[in-house]
Every structure is written in C-alpha cells, then in structure tokens.
Protein backbone atom coordinates (compact mmCIF):
# COMPACT_ATOMS: atom_id res chain seq x y z
CA MET A 1 41.96 -4.51 57.18
CA THR A 2 42.90 -7.01 54.60
CA ILE A 3 40.09 -5.84 52.72
CA ARG A 4 39.55 -2.19 51.67
CA THR A 5 37.78 -1.88 48.47
CA VAL A 6 34.74 -3.86 47.48
CA ALA A 7 32.90 -4.02 44.29
CA VAL A 8 29.12 -4.94 44.61
CA LEU A 9 27.76 -6.64 41.42
CA GLY A 10 23.99 -5.95 40.91
CA LEU A 11 22.15 -3.08 42.32
CA GLY A 12 18.89 -4.23 43.05
CA LYS A 13 17.39 -3.92 46.37
CA VAL A 14 19.85 -6.44 48.18
CA GLY A 15 22.76 -5.19 46.06
CA THR A 16 22.06 -1.68 46.95
CA LEU A 17 21.79 -2.53 50.72
CA VAL A 18 24.97 -4.56 50.71
CA GLY A 19 26.90 -1.49 49.22
CA THR A 20 25.38 0.67 52.07
CA LEU A 21 26.21 -1.64 54.63
CA LEU A 22 29.81 -2.05 53.39
CA LYS A 23 30.28 1.53 53.40
CA ARG A 24 28.72 2.02 56.87
CA ALA A 25 31.44 -0.76 57.94
CA GLY A 26 33.97 1.32 56.84
CA PHE A 27 35.02 -0.35 53.32
CA GLU A 28 35.50 1.72 50.23
CA THR A 29 32.76 0.51 48.05
CA ILE A 30 31.89 0.64 44.25
CA GLY A 31 28.54 -0.45 42.84
CA LEU A 32 28.70 -1.93 39.38
CA ASP A 33 25.43 -2.33 37.40
CA LEU A 34 24.15 -1.68 33.80
CA ALA A 35 21.86 1.02 34.99
CA PRO A 36 22.94 2.15 38.52
CA PRO A 37 20.14 3.75 40.72
CA PRO A 38 20.78 7.40 41.34
CA GLY A 39 21.46 8.81 44.88
CA LEU A 40 23.12 6.18 46.44
CA PRO A 41 25.64 6.55 49.39
CA PHE A 42 28.56 4.90 47.69
CA ASN A 43 30.18 5.40 44.20
CA THR A 44 28.76 3.44 41.19
CA GLU A 45 29.82 2.78 37.68
CA VAL A 46 28.04 1.63 34.61
CA LEU A 47 29.28 -1.95 33.72
CA ASP A 48 27.88 -4.86 31.59
CA LEU A 49 27.99 -7.56 34.17
CA THR A 50 27.43 -10.16 31.52
CA ASP A 51 30.54 -8.94 29.61
CA ALA A 52 33.58 -11.14 30.77
CA SER A 53 36.31 -9.02 29.56
CA ALA A 54 34.86 -5.88 31.26
CA LEU A 55 34.70 -7.52 34.35
CA THR A 56 38.13 -9.05 34.03
CA LYS A 57 39.61 -5.59 33.34
CA LYS A 58 37.49 -4.06 36.48
CA LEU A 59 37.84 -6.51 39.18
CA PRO A 60 41.84 -6.35 39.83
CA THR A 61 41.20 -2.62 40.94
CA VAL A 62 39.31 -3.81 44.00
CA ASP A 63 40.26 -6.28 46.79
CA ALA A 64 37.03 -8.21 47.03
CA VAL A 65 33.99 -8.61 45.00
CA ILE A 66 30.37 -9.74 46.02
CA SER A 67 27.92 -10.85 43.48
CA CYS A 68 24.36 -9.71 44.14
CA LEU A 69 23.42 -11.03 40.51
CA PRO A 70 21.12 -14.02 39.49
CA PHE A 71 22.71 -17.25 40.45
CA SER A 72 23.13 -18.22 36.47
CA LEU A 73 25.88 -15.53 36.29
CA ASN A 74 28.07 -16.67 39.20
CA MET A 75 29.98 -19.23 37.91
CA LYS A 76 31.39 -16.85 35.21
CA VAL A 77 31.99 -14.13 37.92
CA SER A 78 33.73 -16.41 40.52
CA SER A 79 35.92 -17.96 37.66
CA ILE A 80 36.99 -14.15 36.84
CA ALA A 81 37.62 -13.40 40.57
CA HIS A 82 39.63 -16.71 40.81
CA GLN A 83 41.67 -15.74 37.56
CA VAL A 84 42.33 -12.14 38.85
CA GLY A 85 43.08 -12.96 42.44
CA VAL A 86 40.54 -11.08 44.62
CA HIS A 87 38.22 -12.29 47.24
CA TYR A 88 34.95 -13.69 46.22
CA PHE A 89 31.42 -13.65 47.91
CA ASP A 90 28.08 -14.37 46.64
CA LEU A 91 24.38 -15.20 47.82
CA THR A 92 23.99 -18.24 45.74
CA GLU A 93 21.62 -21.27 46.60
CA ASP A 94 22.52 -23.13 43.41
CA VAL A 95 24.37 -26.32 44.28
CA GLY A 96 26.17 -26.68 40.76
CA THR A 97 27.59 -22.93 41.28
CA THR A 98 29.00 -23.98 44.75
CA LYS A 99 30.71 -27.18 43.44
CA HIS A 100 32.27 -25.06 40.69
CA ILE A 101 33.63 -22.75 43.30
CA ILE A 102 34.83 -25.32 45.90
CA GLU A 103 36.88 -26.70 42.65
CA LEU A 104 38.15 -23.07 41.86
CA SER A 105 38.95 -22.73 45.64
CA ALA A 106 41.73 -25.45 45.41
CA THR A 107 44.14 -23.30 43.82
CA ALA A 108 42.67 -19.94 45.00
CA GLN A 109 45.12 -17.39 46.75
CA LYS A 110 42.11 -15.28 48.08
CA ALA A 111 38.87 -16.36 50.33
CA MET A 112 35.91 -17.81 48.17
CA VAL A 113 32.91 -17.60 50.25
CA PRO A 114 29.66 -18.50 48.38
CA GLN A 115 26.29 -18.91 50.04
CA CYS A 116 26.41 -15.67 52.15
CA GLY A 117 22.67 -14.93 52.38
CA LEU A 118 19.83 -16.40 54.55
CA ALA A 119 19.71 -20.19 53.09
CA PRO A 120 22.33 -21.11 52.60
CA GLY A 121 24.08 -18.63 54.86
CA ILE A 122 22.94 -17.53 58.45
CA ILE A 123 20.78 -20.54 58.80
CA GLY A 124 23.89 -22.66 58.39
CA ILE A 125 25.85 -20.68 60.98
CA LEU A 126 22.76 -21.10 63.32
CA GLY A 127 22.34 -24.92 62.82
CA SER A 128 26.09 -25.73 63.16
CA SER A 129 26.28 -23.31 66.31
CA LEU A 130 23.27 -25.48 68.00
CA ALA A 131 24.93 -28.72 67.09
CA ARG A 132 28.08 -27.69 68.93
CA GLU A 133 26.16 -27.26 72.17
CA PHE A 134 26.08 -31.19 72.50
CA ASP A 135 28.87 -33.05 73.88
CA GLY A 136 27.18 -36.63 72.89
CA PRO A 137 25.94 -38.08 69.68
CA LEU A 138 23.82 -35.97 67.58
CA ARG A 139 20.34 -37.17 66.37
CA SER A 140 19.16 -34.26 64.04
CA ILE A 141 19.57 -30.78 62.61
CA GLU A 142 16.78 -29.12 61.23
CA MET A 143 16.82 -25.83 59.43
CA ARG A 144 13.78 -23.87 58.20
CA VAL A 145 13.69 -20.23 56.76
CA GLY A 146 10.93 -18.36 55.09
CA ALA A 147 10.43 -14.80 53.57
CA LEU A 148 6.92 -13.98 53.36
CA PRO A 149 4.24 -11.02 53.21
CA GLN A 150 3.02 -10.19 56.37
CA HIS A 151 -0.34 -9.89 54.89
CA PRO A 152 -0.85 -12.89 52.58
CA ARG A 153 -3.47 -12.83 49.86
CA GLY A 154 -4.67 -15.43 47.56
CA LEU A 155 -4.20 -19.03 47.58
CA LEU A 156 -0.47 -19.05 47.28
CA GLY A 157 -0.13 -16.68 50.11
CA TYR A 158 3.21 -15.34 48.69
CA ALA A 159 5.04 -12.62 47.29
CA PHE A 160 8.52 -12.57 45.20
CA ASN A 161 10.59 -10.33 47.40
CA TRP A 162 13.49 -12.66 46.60
CA SER A 163 14.70 -13.53 43.19
CA PRO A 164 11.83 -15.58 41.12
CA GLU A 165 14.60 -17.17 39.19
CA GLY A 166 16.28 -18.33 42.57
CA VAL A 167 12.80 -19.50 44.02
CA VAL A 168 12.02 -21.53 41.13
CA ASN A 169 15.67 -23.23 40.82
CA GLU A 170 15.22 -24.39 44.49
CA TYR A 171 11.59 -25.53 43.72
CA ILE A 172 12.66 -27.89 41.02
CA LYS A 173 16.16 -29.14 41.75
CA GLU A 174 16.86 -32.04 43.71
CA CYS A 175 17.41 -31.49 47.69
CA GLU A 176 20.71 -32.97 49.53
CA ILE A 177 19.97 -34.11 53.09
CA ILE A 178 21.19 -36.91 55.55
CA ARG A 179 19.09 -39.83 56.53
CA ALA A 180 20.54 -42.67 58.74
CA GLY A 181 23.71 -40.74 58.75
CA LYS A 182 24.31 -40.98 55.00
CA LYS A 183 23.98 -38.19 52.44
CA THR A 184 21.24 -38.45 49.81
CA VAL A 185 18.84 -36.67 47.73
CA ILE A 186 15.20 -36.51 47.72
CA PRO A 187 12.63 -34.57 45.55
CA PRO A 188 11.86 -30.61 46.13
CA LEU A 189 8.47 -30.04 47.38
CA GLU A 190 8.00 -33.11 49.57
CA ASP A 191 7.84 -33.77 53.22
CA CYS A 192 5.54 -30.92 54.05
CA GLU A 193 5.04 -30.39 57.66
CA ALA A 194 3.12 -28.00 59.97
CA LEU A 195 4.82 -25.24 61.86
CA VAL A 196 3.69 -22.55 64.12
CA ILE A 197 5.83 -19.33 64.90
CA ASN A 198 4.58 -16.63 67.15
CA GLY A 199 0.93 -18.25 66.87
CA VAL A 200 1.14 -18.01 63.02
CA GLN A 201 0.39 -21.37 61.42
CA LEU A 202 3.01 -22.19 58.56
CA GLU A 203 4.30 -25.02 56.61
CA ALA A 204 7.62 -26.33 55.67
CA PHE A 205 8.54 -28.41 52.78
CA THR A 206 11.87 -29.30 51.06
CA THR A 207 13.84 -27.27 48.73
CA SER A 208 17.09 -27.27 46.99
CA GLY A 209 20.51 -25.75 48.15
CA GLY A 210 19.41 -24.39 51.33
CA LEU A 211 21.79 -26.35 53.23
CA GLY A 212 25.10 -25.48 51.46
CA THR A 213 27.95 -27.75 52.03
CA MET A 214 26.54 -28.82 55.48
CA CYS A 215 25.78 -32.55 54.22
CA ASP A 216 29.40 -33.05 53.53
CA THR A 217 30.29 -31.74 56.87
CA TYR A 218 27.94 -33.74 59.06
CA GLU A 219 27.86 -36.84 57.11
CA GLY A 220 28.38 -39.60 59.60
CA GLN A 221 27.99 -37.24 62.47
CA VAL A 222 24.26 -36.66 62.61
CA LYS A 223 21.60 -39.17 61.95
CA SER A 224 19.19 -36.67 60.18
CA LEU A 225 19.83 -33.38 58.47
CA ASP A 226 17.60 -31.27 56.32
CA TYR A 227 16.49 -27.91 54.86
CA LYS A 228 12.85 -26.71 54.21
CA SER A 229 11.30 -23.53 53.08
CA ILE A 230 8.70 -22.05 55.11
CA ARG A 231 5.33 -20.77 53.66
CA TYR A 232 1.70 -20.18 54.46
CA PRO A 233 -0.48 -23.55 54.23
CA GLY A 234 -1.57 -24.57 51.04
CA HIS A 235 1.47 -23.37 49.10
CA CYS A 236 3.45 -26.59 48.71
CA SER A 237 0.41 -28.43 47.03
CA LEU A 238 -0.21 -25.52 44.40
CA MET A 239 3.35 -25.37 43.48
CA ARG A 240 3.59 -29.08 43.18
CA PHE A 241 0.53 -28.62 40.68
CA PHE A 242 2.10 -25.55 38.88
CA LEU A 243 5.66 -26.99 38.41
CA PHE A 244 5.15 -30.67 38.16
CA GLU A 245 1.54 -31.32 36.73
CA LEU A 246 1.72 -28.53 34.14
CA HIS A 247 5.45 -29.40 33.52
CA LEU A 248 6.54 -25.86 34.09
CA ASP A 249 9.56 -27.26 35.58
CA GLN A 250 10.81 -28.18 31.98
CA ASP A 251 10.21 -24.60 31.18
CA PRO A 252 11.73 -22.56 34.25
CA ASP A 253 11.82 -19.00 32.17
CA GLN A 254 8.24 -19.27 31.53
CA ALA A 255 7.37 -20.44 35.43
CA VAL A 256 9.53 -17.41 36.57
CA LYS A 257 7.51 -15.08 34.09
CA ILE A 258 4.17 -16.32 35.31
CA LEU A 259 4.90 -16.18 39.10
CA ALA A 260 6.83 -12.83 39.18
CA ASN A 261 3.75 -11.24 37.16
CA ALA A 262 1.18 -12.94 39.50
CA LYS A 263 2.88 -12.19 43.10
CA PRO A 264 5.04 -8.95 42.75
CA PRO A 265 7.10 -7.93 45.89
CA VAL A 266 5.56 -6.24 48.96
CA LEU A 267 7.05 -3.43 51.55
CA GLU A 268 5.65 -4.96 54.39
CA ASP A 269 7.27 -8.58 54.89
CA VAL A 270 8.64 -10.92 57.37
CA VAL A 271 11.51 -13.38 57.48
CA TYR A 272 11.29 -16.49 59.58
CA LEU A 273 14.46 -18.23 61.04
CA HIS A 274 13.89 -21.62 62.61
CA ALA A 275 16.91 -23.92 63.64
CA ALA A 276 16.96 -26.69 65.85
CA ALA A 277 19.26 -29.66 66.91
CA GLU A 278 18.61 -32.63 68.98
CA GLY A 279 21.28 -34.84 70.66
CA THR A 280 22.76 -35.98 73.94
CA HIS A 281 24.54 -33.72 76.48
CA ALA A 282 25.62 -34.77 79.90
CA GLY A 283 24.04 -38.02 79.15
CA ARG A 284 20.53 -36.67 78.40
CA MET A 285 18.59 -36.37 75.21
CA LEU A 286 17.98 -32.42 74.62
CA ARG A 287 16.63 -30.37 71.83
CA ARG A 288 18.05 -26.71 71.26
CA GLU A 289 16.30 -24.14 69.00
CA PHE A 290 16.77 -20.56 67.46
CA VAL A 291 13.32 -19.29 66.37
CA ARG A 292 12.95 -15.65 65.38
CA ALA A 293 10.73 -13.60 63.20
CA TYR A 294 12.12 -10.24 61.70
CA ARG A 295 10.48 -7.14 60.33
CA PRO A 296 11.40 -4.42 58.11
CA LEU A 297 14.14 -2.10 59.72
CA GLU A 298 15.35 1.35 59.21
CA ILE A 299 18.99 1.49 58.19
CA GLU A 300 20.80 4.87 57.49
CA GLY A 301 17.36 6.78 57.40
CA LYS A 302 15.83 4.25 54.97
CA LEU A 303 13.29 1.54 55.85
CA TRP A 304 14.46 -1.86 54.39
CA THR A 305 12.16 -4.94 53.74
CA ALA A 306 13.11 -7.89 56.04
CA ILE A 307 14.38 -10.03 53.20
CA SER A 308 16.76 -7.28 52.03
CA TRP A 309 18.15 -6.50 55.33
CA THR A 310 18.76 -9.99 56.66
CA THR A 311 20.19 -11.02 53.52
CA ALA A 312 22.69 -8.17 53.07
CA ALA A 313 23.76 -7.90 56.57
CA SER A 314 24.49 -11.86 56.60
CA ALA A 315 26.72 -11.13 53.45
CA VAL A 316 28.45 -8.07 54.91
CA SER A 317 29.16 -9.68 58.30
CA VAL A 318 31.12 -12.43 56.52
CA ILE A 319 33.08 -9.79 54.52
CA GLU A 320 33.73 -7.88 57.71
CA MET A 321 35.16 -11.31 59.22
CA VAL A 322 37.50 -12.22 56.43
CA SER A 323 38.83 -8.54 56.54
CA SER A 324 39.55 -8.75 60.21
CA GLY A 325 41.16 -12.13 60.25
CA ALA A 326 38.41 -13.80 62.15
CA LEU A 327 37.84 -16.12 58.95
CA PRO A 328 40.33 -17.63 56.65
CA ASN A 329 41.62 -15.22 53.88
CA LYS A 330 42.45 -18.01 51.65
CA GLY A 331 40.66 -20.91 49.97
CA PHE A 332 36.98 -22.04 50.49
CA VAL A 333 35.07 -21.02 53.65
CA LYS A 334 32.14 -23.07 54.78
CA GLN A 335 29.11 -21.05 56.40
CA GLU A 336 28.82 -23.75 59.13
CA ASP A 337 32.34 -22.92 60.02
CA ILE A 338 31.67 -19.43 61.15
CA PRO A 339 31.20 -18.79 64.77
CA LEU A 340 27.87 -17.37 65.47
CA ASP A 341 29.02 -14.94 68.47
CA LEU A 342 31.72 -13.61 66.07
CA PHE A 343 29.15 -13.25 63.48
CA LEU A 344 26.90 -11.21 65.61
CA ALA A 345 29.62 -9.11 67.17
CA THR A 346 30.19 -7.62 63.63
CA LYS A 347 28.56 -4.19 62.76
CA SER A 348 26.28 -5.81 60.19
CA GLY A 349 25.63 -8.92 62.04
CA SER A 350 24.32 -7.02 65.13
CA LEU A 351 21.29 -5.95 63.21
CA TYR A 352 20.03 -9.57 63.90
CA THR A 353 20.11 -8.63 67.56
CA ASP A 354 18.34 -5.07 67.36
CA PRO A 355 15.18 -5.00 69.18
CA ALA A 356 13.56 -3.18 66.50
CA ALA A 357 14.17 -5.82 64.09
CA ILE A 358 12.49 -8.58 65.92
CA PHE A 359 8.62 -9.51 65.81
C-alpha cells in the first residue's frame, strides 16, 4: 500500500463513515474535528480545521487527507496538502474549487483527487463506463442523481440529508454542459424533465458541478452531455421562486439558514442514480442505462442513511485504488478515468452491489 495513514477532516455523518470504512479497508485512520463525536472505531484528535497553521503542522504526519468539510474550506485544505506533499481527496461539487486543485496538480508530487462523492463522483464513473461501450459516434451522455426522503412531505418534498450549503451552491451557480459538441454554460434550475424510477414519479433539472471535469474530457467527442438533480415533482419551480424571485441567490447564507431549518434530515432516505449514454455500436444506434435506487444500509453494526454510505463508499473506494496502484499516485485524477469494474471490486465499492442496499 502506498497509503497507510489517512486523516479525515470533518466528522459529521459522512466523515464519520469515511473514517469507519477506511479502517475497515485496512488504513490507519485519524479523524480531525473541533468536537469529535465519542465512541468512534478509529482515533480522533481535536483540531480547529479553519486554522491553516494547525493543519500545516498536522498533515505531514499522514500519507493522505480526505476533506469532508463544507466546500468553502477545500481551497485552503488542498493548498496545504499540496504544500506538505500528501495525497488529497475531497467530496466537492464546487467548480471553482476543482479548478484551483487542477492548477495545484500541475506541480503536485502526490495524487490530487477531488469530486469523490456521488455527483461528481460515481455518477461520472458510471457515465463514462457506459460511453466506452460504443465503438462509433456518441450522441449523448446523461447523468441524474437524487438524494431524497423516502416519505416526502410538504410542497418541496425534500430533506437536507446532504450539506445545505452544497445544495444551495449547486442551485445558484451556472451549469457546464456540452451542446452540439461544444462546452457551454446554462442557468441552474432549468430544463426540467419528467423521470420515473421503480414506478416513482420524479423530475430532474440542471444544477451546477455534477459533471466535474467531464465537459473538458468529452468536448468534441459527444453531441450532448449534461447533469441534472433528481427531486420529487414541483421542487424545481418552488426553488426558482425561493432563490431567484425572492433574490435569496444574492444571500446564500440566509437561504441555507431558512432551508435547513424548514427541511431537516431524515433517517429513511433513498439515493437515485440514473446514467445513460446513446451512440452507435456495430453500425446501430443504441442506448445503455444504469439505474438504481439505494436504501439505508447496515455497516459495522450501525444503520447508515443512503446518502451517507453511497457518498462515503465512493470516496474510500478511490482512496483504495490510489493506494493499490490501480489509479495514478501523482497529479490530478479525473473521476471519468476510473474503471467501473475496478471501483466495484474494492472493499468499499462492493457495497454498491450488495443486494441489501438496493431497492
């Protein structure tokens, strides 16, 4: 293993499970947080993660760091990881943060792998895997992800099981897509479409950041490529009103405060993954799809929400692959370059094929 010790920054639900899965996969794990929860199955230390000098002193004692912090802190963390020379991983969907990390990667001596969650993350691995099944021109790659309550209530039909800051950020930032073979940007909360998975009526609409670096990778290779978030019907129009007609897009902190108070997290959730690609194979136009609904799952004697384990398992799988040599251990690593079969063969990635996890 090229990675033996991993620091997990931020011990919320996802960070706690990331640490648990890292230890389960054989890594020496240390969790860092200003107030670590008691009773975790790995070592923890108290650390102010907004203190750059404290991080600069701590990170050289480990081989790798994974940030499970709000996206707004990841530019600082990635810069320190690059400075001290440790492998860097995160769950960010923020486009600006990723561009910063790509710039750092040009001189990095270790792997820098942002976007290791759901979207970007495994959805890009799935989309690119489907695209590789065609031997002729690609027409489209579509990626849709939703983390929702199983039993929605109210007009929004939503619960903030994922970071409210991250959700608001992806609702207000421009969205990169490919149209007519060219990379472009379009507004968020647009192009709403109907979607049905396992008989459940859903909608999907544009949000920022879910494609990661795929527009750069596939520009000129596919006519159409986009990412949309999945929600229950009616959510998109209500969020357009809330953010843009009430101008709360100009005050995201206030938007986060209102939404997090109105729609707290739930224990019974569901994660939808819907990836599709169309193109020609052996002279015929075909469509290939990967569609799954994931439920909460018991791991190491504890039941974890679907959003927690699907996000954490995706991130830890990538760390396993860098450590084993299945992925490069230096420079920037794109999610779309990760082979799906090797991802699912890791100890953490295999959770995605566990029958107990799938609706």
